[in-house]
Amino acid sequence: MNTCELCNKSGEDLSLREATHKEHGKKWICKDCWTKLYDKNKIVAGSSGSGGAPGCAMGCPGCRNA
């Protein structure tokens, strides 16, 4: 089961993204937390995703579904 390391949301089909939080380091987080951190500029630039992979068709930067 996947669990977000920030909000503790969990589920079998919960999609997680890796992000380097400016204060808490690397975390596996859900889409909602990723969006909130991105909007608040709390993610280290260029550190999210899978090593610079292109975004998926939904426009997610570094999405593992690309």
PDB file of N, CA and C in Angstrom:
ATOM      1  N   MET A   1       0.838  -1.173   0.000  1.00  0.00           N
ATOM      2  CA  MET A   1       0.000   0.000   0.000  1.00  0.00           C
ATOM      3  C   MET A   1       0.890   1.245   0.000  1.00  0.00           C
ATOM      4  N   ASN A   2       0.543   2.224  -0.828  1.00  0.00           N
ATOM      5  CA  ASN A   2       1.294   3.473  -0.914  1.00  0.00           C
ATOM      6  C   ASN A   2       0.784   4.466   0.114  1.00  0.00           C
ATOM      7  N   THR A   3       1.713   5.192   0.749  1.00  0.00           N
ATOM      8  CA  THR A   3       1.339   6.191   1.752  1.00  0.00           C
ATOM      9  C   THR A   3       2.140   7.468   1.524  1.00  0.00           C
ATOM     10  N   CYS A   4       1.443   8.595   1.492  1.00  0.00           N
ATOM     11  CA  CYS A   4       2.094   9.899   1.355  1.00  0.00           C
ATOM     12  C   CYS A   4       2.858  10.195   2.649  1.00  0.00           C
ATOM     13  N   GLU A   5       4.113  10.607   2.514  1.00  0.00           N
ATOM     14  CA  GLU A   5       4.943  10.880   3.686  1.00  0.00           C
ATOM     15  C   GLU A   5       4.625  12.218   4.354  1.00  0.00           C
ATOM     16  N   LEU A   6       3.751  13.030   3.762  1.00  0.00           N
ATOM     17  CA  LEU A   6       3.387  14.301   4.394  1.00  0.00           C
ATOM     18  C   LEU A   6       2.005  14.274   5.020  1.00  0.00           C
ATOM     19  N   CYS A   7       0.995  13.814   4.281  1.00  0.00           N
ATOM     20  CA  CYS A   7      -0.372  13.858   4.811  1.00  0.00           C
ATOM     21  C   CYS A   7      -0.864  12.492   5.292  1.00  0.00           C
ATOM     22  N   ASN A   8      -0.082  11.430   5.061  1.00  0.00           N
ATOM     23  CA  ASN A   8      -0.407  10.060   5.462  1.00  0.00           C
ATOM     24  C   ASN A   8      -1.600   9.456   4.733  1.00  0.00           C
ATOM     25  N   LYS A   9      -2.041  10.093   3.629  1.00  0.00           N
ATOM     26  CA  LYS A   9      -3.083   9.493   2.803  1.00  0.00           C
ATOM     27  C   LYS A   9      -2.521   8.193   2.254  1.00  0.00           C
ATOM     28  N   SER A  10      -3.338   7.146   2.189  1.00  0.00           N
ATOM     29  CA  SER A  10      -2.831   5.872   1.691  1.00  0.00           C
ATOM     30  C   SER A  10      -3.874   5.173   0.834  1.00  0.00           C
ATOM     31  N   GLY A  11      -3.402   4.229   0.043  1.00  0.00           N
ATOM     32  CA  GLY A  11      -4.289   3.448  -0.803  1.00  0.00           C
ATOM     33  C   GLY A  11      -3.494   2.651  -1.815  1.00  0.00           C
ATOM     34  N   GLU A  12      -4.090   1.569  -2.277  1.00  0.00           N
ATOM     35  CA  GLU A  12      -3.420   0.700  -3.253  1.00  0.00           C
ATOM     36  C   GLU A  12      -3.133   1.425  -4.565  1.00  0.00           C
ATOM     37  N   ASP A  13      -4.046   2.304  -4.992  1.00  0.00           N
ATOM     38  CA  ASP A  13      -3.856   2.977  -6.265  1.00  0.00           C
ATOM     39  C   ASP A  13      -3.509   4.459  -6.090  1.00  0.00           C
ATOM     40  N   LEU A  14      -2.939   4.824  -4.934  1.00  0.00           N
ATOM     41  CA  LEU A  14      -2.480   6.183  -4.694  1.00  0.00           C
ATOM     42  C   LEU A  14      -1.155   6.382  -5.429  1.00  0.00           C
ATOM     43  N   SER A  15      -1.103   7.373  -6.280  1.00  0.00           N
ATOM     44  CA  SER A  15       0.106   7.676  -7.038  1.00  0.00           C
ATOM     45  C   SER A  15       0.992   8.604  -6.211  1.00  0.00           C
ATOM     46  N   LEU A  16       2.267   8.245  -6.071  1.00  0.00           N
ATOM     47  CA  LEU A  16       3.216   9.057  -5.312  1.00  0.00           C
ATOM     48  C   LEU A  16       4.276   9.638  -6.234  1.00  0.00           C
ATOM     49  N   ARG A  17       4.783  10.799  -5.859  1.00  0.00           N
ATOM     50  CA  ARG A  17       5.864  11.461  -6.589  1.00  0.00           C
ATOM     51  C   ARG A  17       6.991  11.725  -5.600  1.00  0.00           C
ATOM     52  N   GLU A  18       8.222  11.652  -6.092  1.00  0.00           N
ATOM     53  CA  GLU A  18       9.353  11.983  -5.239  1.00  0.00           C
ATOM     54  C   GLU A  18       9.611  13.480  -5.355  1.00  0.00           C
ATOM     55  N   ALA A  19       9.782  14.142  -4.226  1.00  0.00           N
ATOM     56  CA  ALA A  19      10.087  15.569  -4.214  1.00  0.00           C
ATOM     57  C   ALA A  19      11.106  15.839  -3.120  1.00  0.00           C
ATOM     58  N   THR A  20      11.981  16.796  -3.374  1.00  0.00           N
ATOM     59  CA  THR A  20      12.926  17.219  -2.351  1.00  0.00           C
ATOM     60  C   THR A  20      12.384  18.500  -1.729  1.00  0.00           C
ATOM     61  N   HIS A  21      11.858  18.350  -0.526  1.00  0.00           N
ATOM     62  CA  HIS A  21      11.285  19.465   0.222  1.00  0.00           C
ATOM     63  C   HIS A  21      12.432  20.319   0.738  1.00  0.00           C
ATOM     64  N   LYS A  22      12.298  21.631   0.652  1.00  0.00           N
ATOM     65  CA  LYS A  22      13.378  22.532   1.071  1.00  0.00           C
ATOM     66  C   LYS A  22      13.740  22.393   2.545  1.00  0.00           C
ATOM     67  N   GLU A  23      12.793  21.955   3.382  1.00  0.00           N
ATOM     68  CA  GLU A  23      13.066  21.845   4.813  1.00  0.00           C
ATOM     69  C   GLU A  23      13.139  20.410   5.319  1.00  0.00           C
ATOM     70  N   HIS A  24      12.497  19.461   4.608  1.00  0.00           N
ATOM     71  CA  HIS A  24      12.406  18.090   5.110  1.00  0.00           C
ATOM     72  C   HIS A  24      13.121  17.051   4.249  1.00  0.00           C
ATOM     73  N   GLY A  25      13.800  17.478   3.194  1.00  0.00           N
ATOM     74  CA  GLY A  25      14.524  16.545   2.348  1.00  0.00           C
ATOM     75  C   GLY A  25      13.615  15.749   1.424  1.00  0.00           C
ATOM     76  N   LYS A  26      14.134  14.614   0.906  1.00  0.00           N
ATOM     77  CA  LYS A  26      13.384  13.802  -0.052  1.00  0.00           C
ATOM     78  C   LYS A  26      12.203  13.101   0.602  1.00  0.00           C
ATOM     79  N   LYS A  27      11.066  13.179  -0.071  1.00  0.00           N
ATOM     80  CA  LYS A  27       9.836  12.565   0.409  1.00  0.00           C
ATOM     81  C   LYS A  27       9.070  11.989  -0.779  1.00  0.00           C
ATOM     82  N   TRP A  28       8.307  10.933  -0.541  1.00  0.00           N
ATOM     83  CA  TRP A  28       7.350  10.405  -1.518  1.00  0.00           C
ATOM     84  C   TRP A  28       5.994  10.956  -1.115  1.00  0.00           C
ATOM     85  N   ILE A  29       5.416  11.773  -1.998  1.00  0.00           N
ATOM     86  CA  ILE A  29       4.194  12.483  -1.659  1.00  0.00           C
ATOM     87  C   ILE A  29       3.116  12.313  -2.728  1.00  0.00           C
ATOM     88  N   CYS A  30       1.863  12.525  -2.304  1.00  0.00           N
ATOM     89  CA  CYS A  30       0.729  12.410  -3.224  1.00  0.00           C
ATOM     90  C   CYS A  30       0.630  13.656  -4.102  1.00  0.00           C
ATOM     91  N   LYS A  31      -0.205  13.573  -5.113  1.00  0.00           N
ATOM     92  CA  LYS A  31      -0.381  14.682  -6.058  1.00  0.00           C
ATOM     93  C   LYS A  31      -0.851  15.951  -5.350  1.00  0.00           C
ATOM     94  N   ASP A  32      -1.776  15.817  -4.404  1.00  0.00           N
ATOM     95  CA  ASP A  32      -2.292  16.991  -3.695  1.00  0.00           C
ATOM     96  C   ASP A  32      -1.189  17.699  -2.916  1.00  0.00           C
ATOM     97  N   CYS A  33      -0.364  16.950  -2.190  1.00  0.00           N
ATOM     98  CA  CYS A  33       0.733  17.548  -1.428  1.00  0.00           C
ATOM     99  C   CYS A  33       1.786  18.138  -2.361  1.00  0.00           C
ATOM    100  N   TRP A  34       2.065  17.453  -3.477  1.00  0.00           N
ATOM    101  CA  TRP A  34       3.042  17.962  -4.438  1.00  0.00           C
ATOM    102  C   TRP A  34       2.589  19.311  -4.972  1.00  0.00           C
ATOM    103  N   THR A  35       1.308  19.410  -5.325  1.00  0.00           N
ATOM    104  CA  THR A  35       0.769  20.659  -5.861  1.00  0.00           C
ATOM    105  C   THR A  35       0.855  21.779  -4.828  1.00  0.00           C
ATOM    106  N   LYS A  36       0.500  21.466  -3.580  1.00  0.00           N
ATOM    107  CA  LYS A  36       0.564  22.475  -2.517  1.00  0.00           C
ATOM    108  C   LYS A  36       1.997  22.957  -2.297  1.00  0.00           C
ATOM    109  N   LEU A  37       2.952  22.016  -2.248  1.00  0.00           N
ATOM    110  CA  LEU A  37       4.353  22.394  -2.052  1.00  0.00           C
ATOM    111  C   LEU A  37       4.878  23.200  -3.233  1.00  0.00           C
ATOM    112  N   TYR A  38       4.522  22.791  -4.439  1.00  0.00           N
ATOM    113  CA  TYR A  38       4.952  23.508  -5.642  1.00  0.00           C
ATOM    114  C   TYR A  38       4.417  24.936  -5.619  1.00  0.00           C
ATOM    115  N   ASP A  39       3.144  25.092  -5.295  1.00  0.00           N
ATOM    116  CA  ASP A  39       2.521  26.418  -5.259  1.00  0.00           C
ATOM    117  C   ASP A  39       3.161  27.317  -4.204  1.00  0.00           C
ATOM    118  N   LYS A  40       3.621  26.731  -3.109  1.00  0.00           N
ATOM    119  CA  LYS A  40       4.246  27.499  -2.026  1.00  0.00           C
ATOM    120  C   LYS A  40       5.759  27.623  -2.208  1.00  0.00           C
ATOM    121  N   ASN A  41       6.278  27.111  -3.352  1.00  0.00           N
ATOM    122  CA  ASN A  41       7.711  27.156  -3.651  1.00  0.00           C
ATOM    123  C   ASN A  41       8.541  26.455  -2.566  1.00  0.00           C
ATOM    124  N   LYS A  42       8.083  25.280  -2.129  1.00  0.00           N
ATOM    125  CA  LYS A  42       8.778  24.524  -1.085  1.00  0.00           C
ATOM    126  C   LYS A  42       9.546  23.321  -1.632  1.00  0.00           C
ATOM    127  N   ILE A  43       9.562  23.153  -2.964  1.00  0.00           N
ATOM    128  CA  ILE A  43      10.279  22.037  -3.577  1.00  0.00           C
ATOM    129  C   ILE A  43      11.563  22.576  -4.202  1.00  0.00           C
ATOM    130  N   VAL A  44      12.671  21.884  -3.998  1.00  0.00           N
ATOM    131  CA  VAL A  44      13.939  22.278  -4.583  1.00  0.00           C
ATOM    132  C   VAL A  44      13.837  22.135  -6.098  1.00  0.00           C
ATOM    133  N   ALA A  45      14.117  23.190  -6.820  1.00  0.00           N
ATOM    134  CA  ALA A  45      14.000  23.203  -8.282  1.00  0.00           C
ATOM    135  C   ALA A  45      14.831  22.104  -8.923  1.00  0.00           C
ATOM    136  N   GLY A  46      14.226  21.386  -9.861  1.00  0.00           N
ATOM    137  CA  GLY A  46      14.924  20.354 -10.614  1.00  0.00           C
ATOM    138  C   GLY A  46      15.127  19.052  -9.875  1.00  0.00           C
ATOM    139  N   SER A  47      14.535  18.897  -8.700  1.00  0.00           N
ATOM    140  CA  SER A  47      14.795  17.696  -7.918  1.00  0.00           C
ATOM    141  C   SER A  47      13.653  16.693  -7.959  1.00  0.00           C
ATOM    142  N   SER A  48      12.504  17.079  -8.444  1.00  0.00           N
ATOM    143  CA  SER A  48      11.346  16.193  -8.429  1.00  0.00           C
ATOM    144  C   SER A  48      11.336  15.264  -9.619  1.00  0.00           C
ATOM    145  N   GLY A  49      10.645  14.156  -9.467  1.00  0.00           N
ATOM    146  CA  GLY A  49      10.471  13.237 -10.578  1.00  0.00           C
ATOM    147  C   GLY A  49      11.581  12.230 -10.695  1.00  0.00           C
ATOM    148  N   SER A  50      11.720  11.701 -11.902  1.00  0.00           N
ATOM    149  CA  SER A  50      12.654  10.594 -12.118  1.00  0.00           C
ATOM    150  C   SER A  50      13.830  11.016 -12.985  1.00  0.00           C
ATOM    151  N   GLY A  51      14.615  11.950 -12.504  1.00  0.00           N
ATOM    152  CA  GLY A  51      15.826  12.332 -13.200  1.00  0.00           C
ATOM    153  C   GLY A  51      15.610  13.079 -14.493  1.00  0.00           C
ATOM    154  N   GLY A  52      14.672  13.992 -14.500  1.00  0.00           N
ATOM    155  CA  GLY A  52      14.474  14.816 -15.670  1.00  0.00           C
ATOM    156  C   GLY A  52      13.638  14.182 -16.752  1.00  0.00           C
ATOM    157  N   ALA A  53      12.869  13.177 -16.424  1.00  0.00           N
ATOM    158  CA  ALA A  53      12.001  12.549 -17.420  1.00  0.00           C
ATOM    159  C   ALA A  53      10.955  13.538 -17.880  1.00  0.00           C
ATOM    160  N   PRO A  54      10.516  13.432 -19.116  1.00  0.00           N
ATOM    161  CA  PRO A  54       9.486  14.341 -19.604  1.00  0.00           C
ATOM    162  C   PRO A  54       8.185  14.136 -18.846  1.00  0.00           C
ATOM    163  N   GLY A  55       7.337  15.134 -18.848  1.00  0.00           N
ATOM    164  CA  GLY A  55       6.059  15.037 -18.172  1.00  0.00           C
ATOM    165  C   GLY A  55       5.130  14.072 -18.878  1.00  0.00           C
ATOM    166  N   CYS A  56       4.123  13.588 -18.186  1.00  0.00           N
ATOM    167  CA  CYS A  56       3.158  12.699 -18.799  1.00  0.00           C
ATOM    168  C   CYS A  56       2.165  13.511 -19.627  1.00  0.00           C
ATOM    169  N   ALA A  57       1.230  12.849 -20.257  1.00  0.00           N
ATOM    170  CA  ALA A  57       0.259  13.520 -21.101  1.00  0.00           C
ATOM    171  C   ALA A  57      -0.617  14.493 -20.325  1.00  0.00           C
ATOM    172  N   MET A  58      -0.689  14.327 -19.015  1.00  0.00           N
ATOM    173  CA  MET A  58      -1.492  15.230 -18.177  1.00  0.00           C
ATOM    174  C   MET A  58      -0.687  16.457 -17.759  1.00  0.00           C
ATOM    175  N   GLY A  59       0.578  16.543 -18.171  1.00  0.00           N
ATOM    176  CA  GLY A  59       1.400  17.718 -17.862  1.00  0.00           C
ATOM    177  C   GLY A  59       2.113  17.664 -16.529  1.00  0.00           C
ATOM    178  N   CYS A  60       2.178  16.506 -15.908  1.00  0.00           N
ATOM    179  CA  CYS A  60       2.848  16.375 -14.611  1.00  0.00           C
ATOM    180  C   CYS A  60       4.359  16.373 -14.835  1.00  0.00           C
ATOM    181  N   PRO A  61       5.096  17.375 -14.318  1.00  0.00           N
ATOM    182  CA  PRO A  61       6.550  17.367 -14.496  1.00  0.00           C
ATOM    183  C   PRO A  61       7.191  16.197 -13.770  1.00  0.00           C
ATOM    184  N   GLY A  62       8.003  15.413 -14.466  1.00  0.00           N
ATOM    185  CA  GLY A  62       8.702  14.314 -13.848  1.00  0.00           C
ATOM    186  C   GLY A  62       7.826  13.140 -13.464  1.00  0.00           C
ATOM    187  N   CYS A  63       6.615  13.072 -13.985  1.00  0.00           N
ATOM    188  CA  CYS A  63       5.673  12.015 -13.618  1.00  0.00           C
ATOM    189  C   CYS A  63       6.219  10.645 -14.013  1.00  0.00           C
ATOM    190  N   ARG A  64       6.025   9.651 -13.155  1.00  0.00           N
ATOM    191  CA  ARG A  64       6.502   8.306 -13.440  1.00  0.00           C
ATOM    192  C   ARG A  64       5.602   7.604 -14.446  1.00  0.00           C
ATOM    193  N   ASN A  65       4.495   8.226 -14.848  1.00  0.00           N
ATOM    194  CA  ASN A  65       3.605   7.632 -15.841  1.00  0.00           C
ATOM    195  C   ASN A  65       3.951   8.049 -17.262  1.00  0.00           C
ATOM    196  N   ALA A  66       5.070   8.763 -17.421  1.00  0.00           N
ATOM    197  CA  ALA A  66       5.454   9.255 -18.751  1.00  0.00           C
ATOM    198  C   ALA A  66       5.801   8.110 -19.666  1.00  0.00           C
TER     199      ALA A  66
END
